[in-house]
Amino acid sequence: ITFTAHSPNCTDLLSRGTAFVLRDTSGKIVGGNVDGLTKQEA
């Protein structure tokens, strides 16, 4: 899952991974997952 992130903080924070909620075409939540690998860029 490809994404971008925006941080207004004055210094870098530490990445703890990424979580996502999956929706169907109507917008209903149908699942989700977490990627525990760090994404320091975000």
All heavy atoms as atom14 arrays in JSON, in Angstrom:
{
  "sequence": "ITFTAHSPNCTDLLSRGTAFVLRDTSGKIVGGNVDGLTKQEA",
  "atom14_mask": [
    [1, 1, 1, 1, 1, 1, 1, 1, 0, 0, 0, 0, 0, 0],
    [1, 1, 1, 1, 1, 1, 1, 0, 0, 0, 0, 0, 0, 0],
    [1, 1, 1, 1, 1, 1, 1, 1, 1, 1, 1, 0, 0, 0],
    [1, 1, 1, 1, 1, 1, 1, 0, 0, 0, 0, 0, 0, 0],
    [1, 1, 1, 1, 1, 0, 0, 0, 0, 0, 0, 0, 0, 0],
    [1, 1, 1, 1, 1, 1, 1, 1, 1, 1, 0, 0, 0, 0],
    [1, 1, 1, 1, 1, 1, 0, 0, 0, 0, 0, 0, 0, 0],
    [1, 1, 1, 1, 1, 1, 1, 0, 0, 0, 0, 0, 0, 0],
    [1, 1, 1, 1, 1, 1, 1, 1, 0, 0, 0, 0, 0, 0],
    [1, 1, 1, 1, 1, 1, 0, 0, 0, 0, 0, 0, 0, 0],
    [1, 1, 1, 1, 1, 1, 1, 0, 0, 0, 0, 0, 0, 0],
    [1, 1, 1, 1, 1, 1, 1, 1, 0, 0, 0, 0, 0, 0],
    [1, 1, 1, 1, 1, 1, 1, 1, 0, 0, 0, 0, 0, 0],
    [1, 1, 1, 1, 1, 1, 1, 1, 0, 0, 0, 0, 0, 0],
    [1, 1, 1, 1, 1, 1, 0, 0, 0, 0, 0, 0, 0, 0],
    [1, 1, 1, 1, 1, 1, 1, 1, 1, 1, 1, 0, 0, 0],
    [1, 1, 1, 1, 0, 0, 0, 0, 0, 0, 0, 0, 0, 0],
    [1, 1, 1, 1, 1, 1, 1, 0, 0, 0, 0, 0, 0, 0],
    [1, 1, 1, 1, 1, 0, 0, 0, 0, 0, 0, 0, 0, 0],
    [1, 1, 1, 1, 1, 1, 1, 1, 1, 1, 1, 0, 0, 0],
    [1, 1, 1, 1, 1, 1, 1, 0, 0, 0, 0, 0, 0, 0],
    [1, 1, 1, 1, 1, 1, 1, 1, 0, 0, 0, 0, 0, 0],
    [1, 1, 1, 1, 1, 1, 1, 1, 1, 1, 1, 0, 0, 0],
    [1, 1, 1, 1, 1, 1, 1, 1, 0, 0, 0, 0, 0, 0],
    [1, 1, 1, 1, 1, 1, 1, 0, 0, 0, 0, 0, 0, 0],
    [1, 1, 1, 1, 1, 1, 0, 0, 0, 0, 0, 0, 0, 0],
    [1, 1, 1, 1, 0, 0, 0, 0, 0, 0, 0, 0, 0, 0],
    [1, 1, 1, 1, 1, 1, 1, 1, 1, 0, 0, 0, 0, 0],
    [1, 1, 1, 1, 1, 1, 1, 1, 0, 0, 0, 0, 0, 0],
    [1, 1, 1, 1, 1, 1, 1, 0, 0, 0, 0, 0, 0, 0],
    [1, 1, 1, 1, 0, 0, 0, 0, 0, 0, 0, 0, 0, 0],
    [1, 1, 1, 1, 0, 0, 0, 0, 0, 0, 0, 0, 0, 0],
    [1, 1, 1, 1, 1, 1, 1, 1, 0, 0, 0, 0, 0, 0],
    [1, 1, 1, 1, 1, 1, 1, 0, 0, 0, 0, 0, 0, 0],
    [1, 1, 1, 1, 1, 1, 1, 1, 0, 0, 0, 0, 0, 0],
    [1, 1, 1, 1, 0, 0, 0, 0, 0, 0, 0, 0, 0, 0],
    [1, 1, 1, 1, 1, 1, 1, 1, 0, 0, 0, 0, 0, 0],
    [1, 1, 1, 1, 1, 1, 1, 0, 0, 0, 0, 0, 0, 0],
    [1, 1, 1, 1, 1, 1, 1, 1, 1, 0, 0, 0, 0, 0],
    [1, 1, 1, 1, 1, 1, 1, 1, 1, 0, 0, 0, 0, 0],
    [1, 1, 1, 1, 1, 1, 1, 1, 1, 0, 0, 0, 0, 0],
    [1, 1, 1, 1, 1, 0, 0, 0, 0, 0, 0, 0, 0, 0]
  ],
  "atom14_positions": [
    [[0.85, -1.19, 0.0], [0.0, 0.0, 0.0], [0.89, 1.25, 0.0], [1.7, 1.46, 0.91], [-0.94, -0.01, 1.21], [-1.86, -1.24, 1.12], [-1.75, 1.28, 1.29], [-2.77, -1.42, 2.31], [0.0, 0.0, 0.0], [0.0, 0.0, 0.0], [0.0, 0.0, 0.0], [0.0, 0.0, 0.0], [0.0, 0.0, 0.0], [0.0, 0.0, 0.0]],
    [[0.75, 2.04, -1.04], [1.6, 3.22, -1.24], [0.94, 4.45, -0.62], [-0.24, 4.72, -0.86], [1.85, 3.46, -2.74], [2.42, 2.27, -3.3], [2.79, 4.62, -2.97], [0.0, 0.0, 0.0], [0.0, 0.0, 0.0], [0.0, 0.0, 0.0], [0.0, 0.0, 0.0], [0.0, 0.0, 0.0], [0.0, 0.0, 0.0], [0.0, 0.0, 0.0]],
    [[1.73, 5.21, 0.16], [1.15, 6.38, 0.83], [2.19, 7.49, 1.01], [3.38, 7.29, 0.83], [0.58, 5.98, 2.2], [1.63, 5.62, 3.23], [2.03, 6.54, 4.19], [2.21, 4.36, 3.26], [2.99, 6.23, 5.14], [3.17, 4.03, 4.21], [3.56, 4.97, 5.16], [0.0, 0.0, 0.0], [0.0, 0.0, 0.0], [0.0, 0.0, 0.0]],
    [[1.68, 8.66, 1.34], [2.52, 9.8, 1.69], [2.13, 10.26, 3.09], [1.04, 9.94, 3.59], [2.34, 10.97, 0.71], [0.94, 11.35, 0.7], [2.75, 10.58, -0.7], [0.0, 0.0, 0.0], [0.0, 0.0, 0.0], [0.0, 0.0, 0.0], [0.0, 0.0, 0.0], [0.0, 0.0, 0.0], [0.0, 0.0, 0.0], [0.0, 0.0, 0.0]],
    [[3.04, 11.0, 3.74], [2.76, 11.48, 5.08], [3.25, 12.91, 5.24], [4.2, 13.33, 4.57], [3.42, 10.58, 6.12], [0.0, 0.0, 0.0], [0.0, 0.0, 0.0], [0.0, 0.0, 0.0], [0.0, 0.0, 0.0], [0.0, 0.0, 0.0], [0.0, 0.0, 0.0], [0.0, 0.0, 0.0], [0.0, 0.0, 0.0], [0.0, 0.0, 0.0]],
    [[2.59, 13.65, 6.12], [3.0, 15.03, 6.4], [3.16, 15.21, 7.9], [2.25, 14.88, 8.68], [1.97, 16.03, 5.88], [2.27, 17.44, 6.29], [3.34, 18.17, 5.8], [1.64, 18.27, 7.18], [3.37, 19.36, 6.35], [2.34, 19.45, 7.19], [0.0, 0.0, 0.0], [0.0, 0.0, 0.0], [0.0, 0.0, 0.0], [0.0, 0.0, 0.0]],
    [[4.33, 15.72, 8.32], [4.59, 15.97, 9.74], [4.94, 17.44, 9.95], [5.93, 17.93, 9.41], [5.74, 15.11, 10.25], [6.09, 15.48, 11.57], [0.0, 0.0, 0.0], [0.0, 0.0, 0.0], [0.0, 0.0, 0.0], [0.0, 0.0, 0.0], [0.0, 0.0, 0.0], [0.0, 0.0, 0.0], [0.0, 0.0, 0.0], [0.0, 0.0, 0.0]],
    [[4.16, 18.17, 10.76], [4.47, 19.57, 11.06], [5.4, 19.73, 12.25], [5.69, 20.86, 12.67], [3.09, 20.15, 11.37], [2.35, 19.01, 11.99], [2.87, 17.76, 11.3], [0.0, 0.0, 0.0], [0.0, 0.0, 0.0], [0.0, 0.0, 0.0], [0.0, 0.0, 0.0], [0.0, 0.0, 0.0], [0.0, 0.0, 0.0], [0.0, 0.0, 0.0]],
    [[5.89, 18.62, 12.83], [6.74, 18.7, 14.02], [8.1, 19.3, 13.69], [8.61, 19.15, 12.58], [6.88, 17.32, 14.65], [5.59, 16.85, 15.29], [5.14, 17.39, 16.3], [4.95, 15.85, 14.68], [0.0, 0.0, 0.0], [0.0, 0.0, 0.0], [0.0, 0.0, 0.0], [0.0, 0.0, 0.0], [0.0, 0.0, 0.0], [0.0, 0.0, 0.0]],
    [[8.72, 19.93, 14.7], [9.96, 20.67, 14.48], [11.19, 19.77, 14.39], [12.26, 20.22, 14.01], [10.15, 21.69, 15.59], [10.32, 20.95, 17.25], [0.0, 0.0, 0.0], [0.0, 0.0, 0.0], [0.0, 0.0, 0.0], [0.0, 0.0, 0.0], [0.0, 0.0, 0.0], [0.0, 0.0, 0.0], [0.0, 0.0, 0.0], [0.0, 0.0, 0.0]],
    [[11.04, 18.51, 14.74], [12.16, 17.58, 14.65], [11.63, 16.2, 14.3], [10.42, 15.95, 14.38], [12.95, 17.53, 15.97], [14.15, 16.76, 15.78], [12.13, 16.89, 17.09], [0.0, 0.0, 0.0], [0.0, 0.0, 0.0], [0.0, 0.0, 0.0], [0.0, 0.0, 0.0], [0.0, 0.0, 0.0], [0.0, 0.0, 0.0], [0.0, 0.0, 0.0]],
    [[12.52, 15.29, 13.89], [12.11, 13.95, 13.52], [11.61, 13.18, 14.76], [12.19, 13.29, 15.84], [13.27, 13.17, 12.91], [13.76, 13.77, 11.61], [13.04, 14.64, 11.05], [14.85, 13.39, 11.15], [0.0, 0.0, 0.0], [0.0, 0.0, 0.0], [0.0, 0.0, 0.0], [0.0, 0.0, 0.0], [0.0, 0.0, 0.0], [0.0, 0.0, 0.0]],
    [[10.58, 12.37, 14.55], [10.13, 11.44, 15.58], [10.6, 10.04, 15.19], [11.21, 9.84, 14.14], [8.61, 11.5, 15.73], [8.01, 12.88, 16.07], [6.52, 12.74, 16.36], [8.72, 13.52, 17.24], [0.0, 0.0, 0.0], [0.0, 0.0, 0.0], [0.0, 0.0, 0.0], [0.0, 0.0, 0.0], [0.0, 0.0, 0.0], [0.0, 0.0, 0.0]],
    [[10.29, 9.06, 16.02], [10.72, 7.68, 15.77], [9.56, 6.86, 15.23], [8.47, 6.84, 15.82], [11.24, 7.06, 17.07], [12.46, 7.75, 17.68], [12.77, 7.16, 19.05], [13.66, 7.62, 16.76], [0.0, 0.0, 0.0], [0.0, 0.0, 0.0], [0.0, 0.0, 0.0], [0.0, 0.0, 0.0], [0.0, 0.0, 0.0], [0.0, 0.0, 0.0]],
    [[9.78, 6.17, 14.12], [8.72, 5.38, 13.5], [8.45, 4.12, 14.3], [9.37, 3.42, 14.74], [9.1, 5.0, 12.07], [8.15, 4.12, 11.51], [0.0, 0.0, 0.0], [0.0, 0.0, 0.0], [0.0, 0.0, 0.0], [0.0, 0.0, 0.0], [0.0, 0.0, 0.0], [0.0, 0.0, 0.0], [0.0, 0.0, 0.0], [0.0, 0.0, 0.0]],
    [[7.14, 3.81, 14.44], [6.7, 2.57, 15.08], [5.86, 1.74, 14.13], [5.08, 0.88, 14.56], [5.88, 2.91, 16.34], [6.61, 3.67, 17.44], [7.42, 2.77, 18.34], [6.62, 1.7, 18.9], [5.83, 1.82, 19.99], [5.76, 2.99, 20.62], [5.15, 0.81, 20.45], [0.0, 0.0, 0.0], [0.0, 0.0, 0.0], [0.0, 0.0, 0.0]],
    [[6.02, 1.98, 12.82], [5.28, 1.2, 11.84], [4.07, 1.93, 11.28], [3.91, 3.15, 11.47], [0.0, 0.0, 0.0], [0.0, 0.0, 0.0], [0.0, 0.0, 0.0], [0.0, 0.0, 0.0], [0.0, 0.0, 0.0], [0.0, 0.0, 0.0], [0.0, 0.0, 0.0], [0.0, 0.0, 0.0], [0.0, 0.0, 0.0], [0.0, 0.0, 0.0]],
    [[3.2, 1.17, 10.63], [2.04, 1.73, 9.92], [0.84, 0.81, 10.07], [0.98, -0.41, 10.01], [2.35, 1.87, 8.42], [3.64, 2.46, 8.25], [1.31, 2.72, 7.72], [0.0, 0.0, 0.0], [0.0, 0.0, 0.0], [0.0, 0.0, 0.0], [0.0, 0.0, 0.0], [0.0, 0.0, 0.0], [0.0, 0.0, 0.0], [0.0, 0.0, 0.0]],
    [[-0.33, 1.39, 10.28], [-1.56, 0.61, 10.33], [-2.52, 1.11, 9.27], [-2.47, 2.27, 8.88], [-2.21, 0.69, 11.71], [0.0, 0.0, 0.0], [0.0, 0.0, 0.0], [0.0, 0.0, 0.0], [0.0, 0.0, 0.0], [0.0, 0.0, 0.0], [0.0, 0.0, 0.0], [0.0, 0.0, 0.0], [0.0, 0.0, 0.0], [0.0, 0.0, 0.0]],
    [[-3.39, 0.22, 8.8], [-4.36, 0.65, 7.81], [-5.69, -0.06, 7.99], [-5.77, -1.19, 8.45], [-3.83, 0.47, 6.39], [-2.92, -0.7, 6.2], [-3.4, -1.97, 5.94], [-1.54, -0.53, 6.29], [-2.54, -3.04, 5.76], [-0.67, -1.59, 6.12], [-1.17, -2.86, 5.86], [0.0, 0.0, 0.0], [0.0, 0.0, 0.0], [0.0, 0.0, 0.0]],
    [[-6.73, 0.69, 7.65], [-8.1, 0.18, 7.65], [-8.53, 0.02, 6.2], [-8.38, 0.94, 5.39], [-9.04, 1.16, 8.39], [-10.5, 0.86, 8.07], [-8.81, 1.07, 9.9], [0.0, 0.0, 0.0], [0.0, 0.0, 0.0], [0.0, 0.0, 0.0], [0.0, 0.0, 0.0], [0.0, 0.0, 0.0], [0.0, 0.0, 0.0], [0.0, 0.0, 0.0]],
    [[-9.04, -1.15, 5.86], [-9.46, -1.47, 4.5], [-10.97, -1.3, 4.37], [-11.72, -1.76, 5.23], [-9.05, -2.91, 4.15], [-7.55, -3.21, 4.31], [-7.29, -4.7, 4.2], [-6.74, -2.45, 3.28], [0.0, 0.0, 0.0], [0.0, 0.0, 0.0], [0.0, 0.0, 0.0], [0.0, 0.0, 0.0], [0.0, 0.0, 0.0], [0.0, 0.0, 0.0]],
    [[-11.39, -0.65, 3.3], [-12.82, -0.41, 3.05], [-13.22, -0.95, 1.69], [-12.38, -1.02, 0.77], [-13.12, 1.1, 3.13], [-12.82, 1.73, 4.5], [-13.1, 3.23, 4.49], [-12.77, 3.87, 5.75], [-13.6, 4.02, 6.78], [-14.85, 3.55, 6.67], [-13.21, 4.62, 7.89], [0.0, 0.0, 0.0], [0.0, 0.0, 0.0], [0.0, 0.0, 0.0]],
    [[-14.49, -1.27, 1.53], [-14.98, -1.68, 0.21], [-15.39, -0.45, -0.59], [-15.21, 0.69, -0.14], [-16.12, -2.7, 0.33], [-17.36, -2.15, 1.04], [-17.48, -0.91, 1.18], [-18.21, -2.96, 1.45], [0.0, 0.0, 0.0], [0.0, 0.0, 0.0], [0.0, 0.0, 0.0], [0.0, 0.0, 0.0], [0.0, 0.0, 0.0], [0.0, 0.0, 0.0]],
    [[-15.95, -0.65, -1.76], [-16.29, 0.48, -2.63], [-17.33, 1.42, -2.01], [-17.38, 2.6, -2.33], [-16.81, -0.01, -3.98], [-17.9, -0.93, -3.76], [-15.71, -0.73, -4.75], [0.0, 0.0, 0.0], [0.0, 0.0, 0.0], [0.0, 0.0, 0.0], [0.0, 0.0, 0.0], [0.0, 0.0, 0.0], [0.0, 0.0, 0.0], [0.0, 0.0, 0.0]],
    [[-18.15, 0.89, -1.08], [-19.16, 1.72, -0.43], [-18.6, 2.49, 0.76], [-19.28, 3.35, 1.33], [-20.33, 0.85, 0.04], [-19.94, 0.02, 1.13], [0.0, 0.0, 0.0], [0.0, 0.0, 0.0], [0.0, 0.0, 0.0], [0.0, 0.0, 0.0], [0.0, 0.0, 0.0], [0.0, 0.0, 0.0], [0.0, 0.0, 0.0], [0.0, 0.0, 0.0]],
    [[-17.36, 2.17, 1.15], [-16.76, 2.83, 2.3], [-16.86, 2.04, 3.59], [-16.32, 2.46, 4.62], [0.0, 0.0, 0.0], [0.0, 0.0, 0.0], [0.0, 0.0, 0.0], [0.0, 0.0, 0.0], [0.0, 0.0, 0.0], [0.0, 0.0, 0.0], [0.0, 0.0, 0.0], [0.0, 0.0, 0.0], [0.0, 0.0, 0.0], [0.0, 0.0, 0.0]],
    [[-17.5, 0.88, 3.55], [-17.64, 0.05, 4.75], [-16.31, -0.61, 5.1], [-15.59, -1.09, 4.22], [-18.7, -1.02, 4.51], [-18.86, -2.0, 5.66], [-19.84, -3.1, 5.3], [-19.92, -4.15, 6.41], [-20.84, -5.26, 6.03], [0.0, 0.0, 0.0], [0.0, 0.0, 0.0], [0.0, 0.0, 0.0], [0.0, 0.0, 0.0], [0.0, 0.0, 0.0]],
    [[-15.96, -0.63, 6.39], [-14.73, -1.3, 6.82], [-14.87, -2.81, 6.66], [-15.82, -3.41, 7.17], [-14.39, -0.95, 8.28], [-14.06, 0.53, 8.42], [-13.21, -1.8, 8.78], [-13.78, 0.97, 9.85], [0.0, 0.0, 0.0], [0.0, 0.0, 0.0], [0.0, 0.0, 0.0], [0.0, 0.0, 0.0], [0.0, 0.0, 0.0], [0.0, 0.0, 0.0]],
    [[-13.91, -3.4, 5.95], [-13.93, -4.85, 5.74], [-12.7, -5.54, 6.34], [-12.57, -6.76, 6.27], [-14.04, -5.2, 4.24], [-15.38, -4.76, 3.68], [-12.88, -4.58, 3.44], [0.0, 0.0, 0.0], [0.0, 0.0, 0.0], [0.0, 0.0, 0.0], [0.0, 0.0, 0.0], [0.0, 0.0, 0.0], [0.0, 0.0, 0.0], [0.0, 0.0, 0.0]],
    [[-11.79, -4.78, 6.92], [-10.61, -5.39, 7.52], [-9.52, -4.37, 7.79], [-9.73, -3.16, 7.7], [0.0, 0.0, 0.0], [0.0, 0.0, 0.0], [0.0, 0.0, 0.0], [0.0, 0.0, 0.0], [0.0, 0.0, 0.0], [0.0, 0.0, 0.0], [0.0, 0.0, 0.0], [0.0, 0.0, 0.0], [0.0, 0.0, 0.0], [0.0, 0.0, 0.0]],
    [[-8.34, -4.89, 8.09], [-7.21, -4.02, 8.36], [-5.98, -4.82, 8.72], [-6.04, -6.04, 8.88], [0.0, 0.0, 0.0], [0.0, 0.0, 0.0], [0.0, 0.0, 0.0], [0.0, 0.0, 0.0], [0.0, 0.0, 0.0], [0.0, 0.0, 0.0], [0.0, 0.0, 0.0], [0.0, 0.0, 0.0], [0.0, 0.0, 0.0], [0.0, 0.0, 0.0]],
    [[-4.88, -4.15, 8.87], [-3.63, -4.82, 9.25], [-2.63, -3.79, 9.73], [-2.88, -2.57, 9.68], [-3.07, -5.61, 8.07], [-2.13, -6.72, 8.52], [-2.04, -7.04, 9.71], [-1.43, -7.32, 7.58], [0.0, 0.0, 0.0], [0.0, 0.0, 0.0], [0.0, 0.0, 0.0], [0.0, 0.0, 0.0], [0.0, 0.0, 0.0], [0.0, 0.0, 0.0]],
    [[-1.48, -4.27, 10.19], [-0.4, -3.4, 10.65], [0.91, -3.89, 10.06], [1.15, -5.09, 9.97], [-0.32, -3.36, 12.2], [-0.09, -4.75, 12.77], [0.74, -2.39, 12.67], [0.0, 0.0, 0.0], [0.0, 0.0, 0.0], [0.0, 0.0, 0.0], [0.0, 0.0, 0.0], [0.0, 0.0, 0.0], [0.0, 0.0, 0.0], [0.0, 0.0, 0.0]],
    [[1.74, -2.96, 9.6], [3.09, -3.25, 9.17], [4.0, -2.71, 10.26], [4.16, -1.51, 10.42], [3.38, -2.58, 7.82], [4.78, -2.87, 7.3], [5.6, -3.43, 8.06], [5.07, -2.56, 6.13], [0.0, 0.0, 0.0], [0.0, 0.0, 0.0], [0.0, 0.0, 0.0], [0.0, 0.0, 0.0], [0.0, 0.0, 0.0], [0.0, 0.0, 0.0]],
    [[4.59, -3.62, 11.04], [5.39, -3.21, 12.17], [6.78, -2.69, 11.82], [7.48, -2.16, 12.68], [0.0, 0.0, 0.0], [0.0, 0.0, 0.0], [0.0, 0.0, 0.0], [0.0, 0.0, 0.0], [0.0, 0.0, 0.0], [0.0, 0.0, 0.0], [0.0, 0.0, 0.0], [0.0, 0.0, 0.0], [0.0, 0.0, 0.0], [0.0, 0.0, 0.0]],
    [[7.17, -2.82, 10.54], [8.49, -2.32, 10.14], [8.5, -0.8, 10.15], [7.51, -0.16, 9.77], [8.85, -2.84, 8.75], [8.99, -4.37, 8.62], [9.29, -4.74, 7.17], [10.08, -4.89, 9.54], [0.0, 0.0, 0.0], [0.0, 0.0, 0.0], [0.0, 0.0, 0.0], [0.0, 0.0, 0.0], [0.0, 0.0, 0.0], [0.0, 0.0, 0.0]],
    [[9.61, -0.22, 10.57], [9.68, 1.23, 10.66], [9.63, 1.89, 9.28], [10.16, 1.36, 8.31], [10.97, 1.67, 11.38], [12.09, 1.14, 10.67], [11.0, 1.16, 12.81], [0.0, 0.0, 0.0], [0.0, 0.0, 0.0], [0.0, 0.0, 0.0], [0.0, 0.0, 0.0], [0.0, 0.0, 0.0], [0.0, 0.0, 0.0], [0.0, 0.0, 0.0]],
    [[8.97, 3.02, 9.23], [8.89, 3.87, 8.04], [9.36, 5.26, 8.45], [8.57, 6.19, 8.59], [7.45, 3.92, 7.5], [6.78, 2.56, 7.36], [7.39, 1.7, 6.29], [6.71, 0.34, 6.22], [7.37, -0.57, 5.27], [0.0, 0.0, 0.0], [0.0, 0.0, 0.0], [0.0, 0.0, 0.0], [0.0, 0.0, 0.0], [0.0, 0.0, 0.0]],
    [[10.67, 5.4, 8.66], [11.21, 6.62, 9.24], [10.91, 7.86, 8.41], [10.77, 8.96, 8.94], [12.72, 6.47, 9.46], [13.32, 7.55, 10.34], [12.65, 7.65, 11.71], [12.38, 6.64, 12.36], [12.36, 8.87, 12.13], [0.0, 0.0, 0.0], [0.0, 0.0, 0.0], [0.0, 0.0, 0.0], [0.0, 0.0, 0.0], [0.0, 0.0, 0.0]],
    [[10.78, 7.66, 7.09], [10.47, 8.82, 6.23], [9.17, 9.49, 6.64], [9.02, 10.71, 6.52], [10.36, 8.38, 4.77], [11.57, 7.62, 4.23], [11.37, 6.13, 4.27], [10.87, 5.62, 5.3], [11.73, 5.44, 3.3], [0.0, 0.0, 0.0], [0.0, 0.0, 0.0], [0.0, 0.0, 0.0], [0.0, 0.0, 0.0], [0.0, 0.0, 0.0]],
    [[8.22, 8.7, 7.1], [6.91, 9.24, 7.46], [6.96, 10.09, 8.73], [6.05, 10.87, 8.99], [5.9, 8.11, 7.63], [0.0, 0.0, 0.0], [0.0, 0.0, 0.0], [0.0, 0.0, 0.0], [0.0, 0.0, 0.0], [0.0, 0.0, 0.0], [0.0, 0.0, 0.0], [0.0, 0.0, 0.0], [0.0, 0.0, 0.0], [0.0, 0.0, 0.0]]
  ]
}
